[in-house]
Amino acid sequence: MNRMRTTFLSVALLVLVAMAPAFAQNQTPPQSSEKSAAALSAKMEDISNWSKKQWYAAKAKWVKEKAKWADCQKQAAEKKLAGRKSWPFLYGCMTKNS
């Protein structure tokens, strides 16, 4: 019985040592991604303060991507966003995955 317990503990210890790198990979992301999320959030707030001239300049570029622009406008309408309140949403929608 003592030999069986020793074998079991050895196998358990070996499994823990083998799985240590997998646990290390599942840690929280580095602070750089937190900084980029904060920067994106700050940029979103700045967009609501853009002048109409700035907004229309950006919008002129985005309108060229007809399908994506139409989809983003549809999503904004579904969220009942209009006017300046839709600007941060539309900016985020048009710039993600670009």
N, C-alpha and C. Protein backbone atom coordinates (compact mmCIF):
# COMPACT_ATOMS: atom_id res chain seq x y z
N MET A 1 0.82 -1.20 0.00
CA MET A 1 0.00 0.00 0.00
C MET A 1 0.86 1.25 0.00
N ASN A 2 1.97 1.22 0.75
CA ASN A 2 2.87 2.37 0.84
C ASN A 2 3.51 2.65 -0.52
N ARG A 3 3.85 1.59 -1.24
CA ARG A 3 4.46 1.75 -2.56
C ARG A 3 3.47 2.38 -3.54
N MET A 4 2.20 1.98 -3.45
CA MET A 4 1.16 2.52 -4.33
C MET A 4 0.96 4.02 -4.05
N ARG A 5 0.98 4.43 -2.81
CA ARG A 5 0.82 5.83 -2.43
C ARG A 5 1.99 6.66 -2.98
N THR A 6 3.20 6.13 -2.88
CA THR A 6 4.38 6.81 -3.37
C THR A 6 4.31 6.98 -4.89
N THR A 7 3.87 5.96 -5.58
CA THR A 7 3.73 6.02 -7.03
C THR A 7 2.68 7.06 -7.42
N PHE A 8 1.56 7.05 -6.72
CA PHE A 8 0.50 8.01 -7.01
C PHE A 8 0.98 9.45 -6.79
N LEU A 9 1.66 9.71 -5.68
CA LEU A 9 2.16 11.05 -5.40
C LEU A 9 3.21 11.49 -6.42
N SER A 10 4.03 10.55 -6.87
CA SER A 10 5.04 10.86 -7.88
C SER A 10 4.39 11.27 -9.20
N VAL A 11 3.35 10.53 -9.60
CA VAL A 11 2.64 10.85 -10.83
C VAL A 11 1.94 12.21 -10.70
N ALA A 12 1.33 12.46 -9.56
CA ALA A 12 0.64 13.73 -9.35
C ALA A 12 1.63 14.90 -9.40
N LEU A 13 2.79 14.73 -8.81
CA LEU A 13 3.82 15.77 -8.83
C LEU A 13 4.32 16.00 -10.25
N LEU A 14 4.50 14.93 -10.99
CA LEU A 14 4.95 15.03 -12.37
C LEU A 14 3.93 15.78 -13.23
N VAL A 15 2.65 15.50 -13.03
CA VAL A 15 1.59 16.19 -13.77
C VAL A 15 1.59 17.68 -13.43
N LEU A 16 1.72 18.03 -12.16
CA LEU A 16 1.76 19.44 -11.77
C LEU A 16 2.94 20.17 -12.39
N VAL A 17 4.09 19.55 -12.40
CA VAL A 17 5.28 20.17 -13.00
C VAL A 17 5.09 20.34 -14.50
N ALA A 18 4.48 19.36 -15.14
CA ALA A 18 4.27 19.43 -16.59
C ALA A 18 3.25 20.50 -16.96
N MET A 19 2.28 20.75 -16.07
CA MET A 19 1.22 21.72 -16.38
C MET A 19 1.57 23.14 -15.94
N ALA A 20 2.66 23.35 -15.25
CA ALA A 20 3.03 24.68 -14.77
C ALA A 20 3.12 25.71 -15.90
N PRO A 21 3.74 25.39 -17.04
CA PRO A 21 3.78 26.40 -18.12
C PRO A 21 2.39 26.77 -18.65
N ALA A 22 1.48 25.83 -18.66
CA ALA A 22 0.12 26.13 -19.13
C ALA A 22 -0.56 27.10 -18.19
N PHE A 23 -0.36 26.94 -16.89
CA PHE A 23 -0.95 27.87 -15.93
C PHE A 23 -0.31 29.25 -16.06
N ALA A 24 0.97 29.30 -16.34
CA ALA A 24 1.67 30.59 -16.48
C ALA A 24 1.15 31.37 -17.68
N GLN A 25 0.74 30.69 -18.74
CA GLN A 25 0.24 31.35 -19.94
C GLN A 25 -1.15 31.94 -19.73
N ASN A 26 -1.89 31.48 -18.75
CA ASN A 26 -3.25 31.95 -18.53
C ASN A 26 -3.32 33.14 -17.58
N GLN A 27 -2.20 33.81 -17.35
CA GLN A 27 -2.21 34.96 -16.47
C GLN A 27 -2.82 36.15 -17.18
N THR A 28 -3.11 37.22 -16.43
CA THR A 28 -3.71 38.41 -17.01
C THR A 28 -2.76 39.04 -18.01
N PRO A 29 -3.31 39.77 -18.99
CA PRO A 29 -2.47 40.39 -20.02
C PRO A 29 -1.61 41.49 -19.41
N PRO A 30 -0.52 41.83 -20.07
CA PRO A 30 0.36 42.88 -19.56
C PRO A 30 -0.34 44.23 -19.55
N GLN A 31 0.25 45.18 -18.84
CA GLN A 31 -0.36 46.49 -18.67
C GLN A 31 -0.45 47.26 -19.98
N SER A 32 0.35 46.92 -20.97
CA SER A 32 0.32 47.66 -22.22
C SER A 32 -1.06 47.59 -22.87
N SER A 33 -1.74 46.44 -22.78
CA SER A 33 -3.08 46.35 -23.35
C SER A 33 -4.07 47.18 -22.53
N GLU A 34 -3.83 47.27 -21.21
CA GLU A 34 -4.68 48.12 -20.38
C GLU A 34 -4.50 49.59 -20.77
N LYS A 35 -3.26 49.96 -21.06
CA LYS A 35 -3.00 51.34 -21.47
C LYS A 35 -3.66 51.63 -22.81
N SER A 36 -3.61 50.67 -23.75
CA SER A 36 -4.21 50.90 -25.05
C SER A 36 -5.73 51.00 -24.93
N ALA A 37 -6.33 50.23 -24.02
CA ALA A 37 -7.78 50.32 -23.80
C ALA A 37 -8.14 51.68 -23.22
N ALA A 38 -7.30 52.16 -22.30
CA ALA A 38 -7.55 53.48 -21.72
C ALA A 38 -7.36 54.57 -22.76
N ALA A 39 -6.36 54.41 -23.63
CA ALA A 39 -6.13 55.39 -24.68
C ALA A 39 -7.30 55.40 -25.66
N LEU A 40 -7.81 54.23 -26.00
CA LEU A 40 -8.96 54.14 -26.90
C LEU A 40 -10.18 54.79 -26.27
N SER A 41 -10.38 54.56 -24.98
CA SER A 41 -11.51 55.17 -24.28
C SER A 41 -11.38 56.69 -24.28
N ALA A 42 -10.18 57.18 -24.02
CA ALA A 42 -9.95 58.63 -24.02
C ALA A 42 -10.18 59.20 -25.41
N LYS A 43 -9.76 58.46 -26.44
CA LYS A 43 -9.94 58.92 -27.81
C LYS A 43 -11.42 58.98 -28.16
N MET A 44 -12.19 58.00 -27.67
CA MET A 44 -13.63 58.00 -27.91
C MET A 44 -14.28 59.26 -27.32
N GLU A 45 -13.85 59.66 -26.15
CA GLU A 45 -14.41 60.85 -25.54
C GLU A 45 -14.04 62.09 -26.33
N ASP A 46 -12.84 62.13 -26.88
CA ASP A 46 -12.40 63.28 -27.66
C ASP A 46 -13.23 63.45 -28.93
N ILE A 47 -13.69 62.35 -29.49
CA ILE A 47 -14.45 62.41 -30.73
C ILE A 47 -15.75 63.17 -30.54
N SER A 48 -16.37 63.01 -29.39
CA SER A 48 -17.62 63.72 -29.15
C SER A 48 -17.39 65.24 -29.07
N ASN A 49 -16.14 65.64 -28.90
CA ASN A 49 -15.81 67.07 -28.87
C ASN A 49 -15.26 67.58 -30.20
N TRP A 50 -15.24 66.74 -31.22
CA TRP A 50 -14.75 67.17 -32.53
C TRP A 50 -15.65 68.26 -33.08
N SER A 51 -15.07 69.10 -33.93
CA SER A 51 -15.89 70.08 -34.65
C SER A 51 -16.57 69.36 -35.81
N LYS A 52 -17.58 70.00 -36.37
CA LYS A 52 -18.27 69.38 -37.51
C LYS A 52 -17.30 69.19 -38.68
N LYS A 53 -16.36 70.12 -38.83
CA LYS A 53 -15.39 70.02 -39.92
C LYS A 53 -14.55 68.76 -39.77
N GLN A 54 -14.08 68.48 -38.54
CA GLN A 54 -13.30 67.28 -38.29
C GLN A 54 -14.14 66.03 -38.56
N TRP A 55 -15.38 66.05 -38.09
CA TRP A 55 -16.26 64.89 -38.27
C TRP A 55 -16.52 64.62 -39.74
N TYR A 56 -16.83 65.67 -40.50
CA TYR A 56 -17.14 65.48 -41.92
C TYR A 56 -15.91 65.01 -42.70
N ALA A 57 -14.72 65.41 -42.28
CA ALA A 57 -13.50 64.94 -42.94
C ALA A 57 -13.32 63.44 -42.73
N ALA A 58 -13.53 62.99 -41.49
CA ALA A 58 -13.41 61.56 -41.20
C ALA A 58 -14.52 60.78 -41.90
N LYS A 59 -15.71 61.33 -41.87
CA LYS A 59 -16.87 60.67 -42.48
C LYS A 59 -16.66 60.50 -43.98
N ALA A 60 -16.04 61.49 -44.63
CA ALA A 60 -15.79 61.41 -46.07
C ALA A 60 -14.91 60.21 -46.41
N LYS A 61 -13.97 59.87 -45.55
CA LYS A 61 -13.12 58.69 -45.78
C LYS A 61 -13.91 57.41 -45.58
N TRP A 62 -14.74 57.39 -44.55
CA TRP A 62 -15.46 56.17 -44.21
C TRP A 62 -16.57 55.84 -45.20
N VAL A 63 -17.17 56.85 -45.79
CA VAL A 63 -18.29 56.62 -46.73
C VAL A 63 -17.83 55.82 -47.93
N LYS A 64 -16.53 55.86 -48.22
CA LYS A 64 -16.00 55.10 -49.35
C LYS A 64 -16.13 53.60 -49.13
N GLU A 65 -16.16 53.18 -47.87
CA GLU A 65 -16.37 51.77 -47.53
C GLU A 65 -17.87 51.57 -47.32
N LYS A 66 -18.60 51.50 -48.39
CA LYS A 66 -20.07 51.55 -48.36
C LYS A 66 -20.70 50.49 -47.46
N ALA A 67 -20.29 49.24 -47.60
CA ALA A 67 -20.93 48.16 -46.82
C ALA A 67 -20.68 48.34 -45.33
N LYS A 68 -19.44 48.62 -44.97
CA LYS A 68 -19.11 48.77 -43.56
C LYS A 68 -19.80 50.00 -42.97
N TRP A 69 -19.81 51.10 -43.73
CA TRP A 69 -20.45 52.33 -43.26
C TRP A 69 -21.95 52.11 -43.04
N ALA A 70 -22.59 51.42 -43.99
CA ALA A 70 -24.02 51.15 -43.86
C ALA A 70 -24.30 50.28 -42.64
N ASP A 71 -23.45 49.27 -42.42
CA ASP A 71 -23.63 48.40 -41.26
C ASP A 71 -23.46 49.18 -39.95
N CYS A 72 -22.45 50.04 -39.90
CA CYS A 72 -22.22 50.83 -38.68
C CYS A 72 -23.38 51.80 -38.43
N GLN A 73 -23.88 52.41 -39.49
CA GLN A 73 -25.03 53.31 -39.33
C GLN A 73 -26.26 52.55 -38.86
N LYS A 74 -26.44 51.35 -39.36
CA LYS A 74 -27.58 50.52 -38.95
C LYS A 74 -27.47 50.18 -37.46
N GLN A 75 -26.27 49.82 -37.03
CA GLN A 75 -26.06 49.50 -35.61
C GLN A 75 -26.32 50.72 -34.73
N ALA A 76 -25.88 51.89 -35.19
CA ALA A 76 -26.10 53.12 -34.42
C ALA A 76 -27.59 53.41 -34.32
N ALA A 77 -28.32 53.19 -35.40
CA ALA A 77 -29.77 53.43 -35.39
C ALA A 77 -30.46 52.45 -34.44
N GLU A 78 -30.00 51.20 -34.43
CA GLU A 78 -30.58 50.21 -33.52
C GLU A 78 -30.35 50.59 -32.06
N LYS A 79 -29.23 51.25 -31.80
CA LYS A 79 -28.93 51.70 -30.43
C LYS A 79 -29.55 53.07 -30.15
N LYS A 80 -30.29 53.57 -31.12
CA LYS A 80 -30.98 54.86 -31.01
C LYS A 80 -29.99 56.01 -30.75
N LEU A 81 -28.87 55.97 -31.48
CA LEU A 81 -27.88 57.02 -31.39
C LEU A 81 -28.04 57.94 -32.59
N ALA A 82 -28.00 59.23 -32.36
CA ALA A 82 -28.15 60.18 -33.46
C ALA A 82 -27.28 61.40 -33.17
N GLY A 83 -26.94 62.11 -34.24
CA GLY A 83 -26.16 63.33 -34.10
C GLY A 83 -24.80 63.08 -33.46
N ARG A 84 -24.37 64.03 -32.65
CA ARG A 84 -23.06 63.94 -32.01
C ARG A 84 -22.94 62.73 -31.09
N LYS A 85 -24.04 62.25 -30.57
CA LYS A 85 -23.99 61.08 -29.67
C LYS A 85 -23.61 59.82 -30.43
N SER A 86 -23.81 59.80 -31.74
CA SER A 86 -23.45 58.64 -32.53
C SER A 86 -21.99 58.67 -32.97
N TRP A 87 -21.34 59.81 -32.89
CA TRP A 87 -19.97 59.93 -33.39
C TRP A 87 -18.99 58.96 -32.75
N PRO A 88 -18.92 58.87 -31.43
CA PRO A 88 -17.96 57.91 -30.85
C PRO A 88 -18.26 56.47 -31.26
N PHE A 89 -19.53 56.11 -31.33
CA PHE A 89 -19.88 54.75 -31.73
C PHE A 89 -19.45 54.49 -33.18
N LEU A 90 -19.78 55.42 -34.08
CA LEU A 90 -19.44 55.24 -35.47
C LEU A 90 -17.92 55.21 -35.67
N TYR A 91 -17.21 56.04 -34.95
CA TYR A 91 -15.76 56.04 -35.03
C TYR A 91 -15.21 54.67 -34.63
N GLY A 92 -15.68 54.16 -33.50
CA GLY A 92 -15.23 52.85 -33.04
C GLY A 92 -15.57 51.75 -34.01
N CYS A 93 -16.77 51.82 -34.55
CA CYS A 93 -17.22 50.80 -35.50
C CYS A 93 -16.38 50.82 -36.77
N MET A 94 -16.08 51.99 -37.27
CA MET A 94 -15.34 52.11 -38.52
C MET A 94 -13.84 51.84 -38.36
N THR A 95 -13.31 52.07 -37.18
CA THR A 95 -11.85 51.90 -37.01
C THR A 95 -11.46 50.55 -36.45
N LYS A 96 -12.40 49.79 -35.89
CA LYS A 96 -12.02 48.46 -35.39
C LYS A 96 -11.72 47.55 -36.56
N ASN A 97 -10.73 46.70 -36.37
CA ASN A 97 -10.31 45.73 -37.40
C ASN A 97 -9.92 46.39 -38.70
N SER A 98 -9.45 47.60 -38.64
CA SER A 98 -9.02 48.28 -39.88
C SER A 98 -7.56 48.06 -40.13
